[in-house]
C-alpha atoms as a PDB file:
ATOM      1  CA  UNK A   1      54.483 145.481 138.562  1.00  0.00           C
ATOM      2  CA  UNK A   2      52.528 145.291 135.515  1.00  0.00           C
ATOM      3  CA  UNK A   3      54.981 147.239 133.496  1.00  0.00           C
ATOM      4  CA  UNK A   4      57.959 144.806 134.561  1.00  0.00           C
ATOM      5  CA  UNK A   5      56.126 141.808 133.478  1.00  0.00           C
ATOM      6  CA  UNK A   6      55.412 143.177 129.947  1.00  0.00           C
ATOM      7  CA  UNK A   7      59.054 143.972 129.605  1.00  0.00           C
ATOM      8  CA  UNK A   8      60.128 140.499 130.546  1.00  0.00           C
ATOM      9  CA  UNK A   9      57.414 138.979 128.283  1.00  0.00           C
ATOM     10  CA  UNK A  10      58.559 141.083 125.384  1.00  0.00           C
ATOM     11  CA  UNK A  11      62.204 140.310 126.131  1.00  0.00           C
ATOM     12  CA  UNK A  12      61.403 136.468 126.182  1.00  0.00           C
ATOM     13  CA  UNK A  13      59.466 136.702 123.014  1.00  0.00           C
ATOM     14  CA  UNK A  14      62.396 138.528 121.148  1.00  0.00           C
ATOM     15  CA  UNK A  15      64.794 135.795 122.277  1.00  0.00           C
ATOM     16  CA  UNK A  16      62.608 133.111 121.077  1.00  0.00           C
ATOM     17  CA  UNK A  17      62.081 134.699 117.762  1.00  0.00           C
ATOM     18  CA  UNK A  18      65.526 135.241 117.314  1.00  0.00           C
ATOM     19  CA  UNK A  19      66.433 131.578 118.436  1.00  0.00           C
ATOM     20  CA  UNK A  20      63.871 130.335 115.899  1.00  0.00           C
ATOM     21  CA  UNK A  21      65.250 132.387 113.052  1.00  0.00           C
ATOM     22  CA  UNK A  22      68.677 131.196 113.591  1.00  0.00           C
ATOM     23  CA  UNK A  23      67.652 127.694 113.670  1.00  0.00           C
ATOM     24  CA  UNK A  24      65.573 128.255 110.337  1.00  0.00           C
ATOM     25  CA  UNK A  25      68.729 129.774 108.617  1.00  0.00           C
ATOM     26  CA  UNK A  26      70.831 126.740 109.794  1.00  0.00           C
ATOM     27  CA  UNK A  27      68.456 124.326 108.029  1.00  0.00           C
ATOM     28  CA  UNK A  28      68.442 126.536 104.837  1.00  0.00           C
ATOM     29  CA  UNK A  29      72.128 126.639 104.516  1.00  0.00           C
ATOM     30  CA  UNK A  30      72.445 122.784 105.471  1.00  0.00           C
ATOM     31  CA  UNK A  31      75.488 123.295 107.925  1.00  0.00           C
ATOM     32  CA  UNK A  32      73.620 124.969 110.886  1.00  0.00           C
ATOM     33  CA  UNK A  33      73.086 123.194 114.070  1.00  0.00           C
ATOM     34  CA  UNK A  34      69.403 122.585 113.251  1.00  0.00           C
ATOM     35  CA  UNK A  35      70.099 120.401 110.309  1.00  0.00           C
ATOM     36  CA  UNK A  36      71.808 117.453 111.997  1.00  0.00           C
ATOM     37  CA  UNK A  37      74.280 116.982 109.401  1.00  0.00           C
ATOM     38  CA  UNK A  38      77.484 118.994 108.466  1.00  0.00           C
ATOM     39  CA  UNK A  39      78.264 120.185 104.903  1.00  0.00           C
ATOM     40  CA  UNK A  40      81.492 118.617 103.886  1.00  0.00           C
ATOM     41  CA  UNK A  41      83.390 120.809 101.358  1.00  0.00           C
ATOM     42  CA  UNK A  42      84.592 119.205  98.321  1.00  0.00           C
ATOM     43  CA  UNK A  43      88.132 118.995  97.017  1.00  0.00           C
ATOM     44  CA  UNK A  44      88.973 121.104  94.112  1.00  0.00           C
ATOM     45  CA  UNK A  45      90.221 118.837  91.119  1.00  0.00           C
ATOM     46  CA  UNK A  46      92.554 121.161  89.407  1.00  0.00           C
ATOM     47  CA  UNK A  47      94.719 122.605  92.204  1.00  0.00           C
ATOM     48  CA  UNK A  48      98.369 122.470  92.553  1.00  0.00           C
ATOM     49  CA  UNK A  49      98.433 119.112  94.485  1.00  0.00           C
ATOM     50  CA  UNK A  50      96.387 117.358  91.887  1.00  0.00           C
ATOM     51  CA  UNK A  51      98.960 118.624  89.213  1.00  0.00           C
ATOM     52  CA  UNK A  52     101.948 117.342  91.106  1.00  0.00           C
ATOM     53  CA  UNK A  53     100.196 113.847  91.734  1.00  0.00           C
ATOM     54  CA  UNK A  54      99.469 113.424  88.062  1.00  0.00           C
ATOM     55  CA  UNK A  55     103.252 113.856  87.329  1.00  0.00           C
ATOM     56  CA  UNK A  56     104.247 111.719  90.075  1.00  0.00           C
ATOM     57  CA  UNK A  57     102.008 109.094  88.918  1.00  0.00           C
ATOM     58  CA  UNK A  58     104.023 108.474  85.738  1.00  0.00           C
ATOM     59  CA  UNK A  59     106.885 105.941  86.041  1.00  0.00           C
ATOM     60  CA  UNK A  60     110.145 107.732  84.794  1.00  0.00           C
ATOM     61  CA  UNK A  61     111.916 104.419  84.516  1.00  0.00           C
ATOM     62  CA  UNK A  62     109.616 102.979  81.738  1.00  0.00           C
ATOM     63  CA  UNK A  63     111.601 104.995  79.232  1.00  0.00           C
ATOM     64  CA  UNK A  64     115.046 103.906  80.163  1.00  0.00           C
ATOM     65  CA  UNK A  65     116.860 101.967  77.642  1.00  0.00           C
ATOM     66  CA  UNK A  66     117.847  98.236  78.253  1.00  0.00           C
ATOM     67  CA  UNK A  67     121.559  98.042  79.249  1.00  0.00           C
ATOM     68  CA  UNK A  68     121.771  94.429  80.604  1.00  0.00           C
ATOM     69  CA  UNK A  69     124.859  92.999  78.853  1.00  0.00           C
ATOM     70  CA  UNK A  70     123.822  89.565  79.149  1.00  0.00           C
ATOM     71  CA  UNK A  71     120.610  90.202  77.067  1.00  0.00           C
ATOM     72  CA  UNK A  72     122.350  91.930  74.082  1.00  0.00           C
ATOM     73  CA  UNK A  73     125.609  91.646  72.493  1.00  0.00           C
ATOM     74  CA  UNK A  74     127.453  94.755  73.296  1.00  0.00           C
ATOM     75  CA  UNK A  75     131.121  93.533  72.708  1.00  0.00           C
ATOM     76  CA  UNK A  76     132.653  95.040  69.413  1.00  0.00           C
ATOM     77  CA  UNK A  77     135.277  92.393  69.142  1.00  0.00           C
ATOM     78  CA  UNK A  78     133.276  89.505  69.210  1.00  0.00           C
ATOM     79  CA  UNK A  79     133.004  88.601  65.608  1.00  0.00           C
ATOM     80  CA  UNK A  80     135.757  90.720  64.347  1.00  0.00           C
ATOM     81  CA  UNK A  81     138.850  88.172  64.365  1.00  0.00           C
ATOM     82  CA  UNK A  82     138.328  84.403  63.792  1.00  0.00           C
ATOM     83  CA  UNK A  83     141.318  82.332  65.032  1.00  0.00           C
ATOM     84  CA  UNK A  84     142.156  79.821  62.265  1.00  0.00           C
ATOM     85  CA  UNK A  85     143.728  77.425  64.563  1.00  0.00           C
ATOM     86  CA  UNK A  86     141.130  77.394  67.426  1.00  0.00           C
ATOM     87  CA  UNK A  87     138.233  75.208  67.253  1.00  0.00           C
END
């Protein structure tokens, strides 16, 4: 009976030591269950999505020419002929 008790005590000590080591490793890394907080990965700043977002952020309509006919005089015959009898 003494031999069985010694084996059980050794197994319990090994289990407790492994559990303590696992908890300490979790605290060192900062993302284990022993730390209480999760480590949130940071997004990379130079990825493909960031490049697409930078290009989409520009307004392509800002470089369009003004084609409103009421703002500019675009009629080529407007000043070509003057009617001498008209007022």
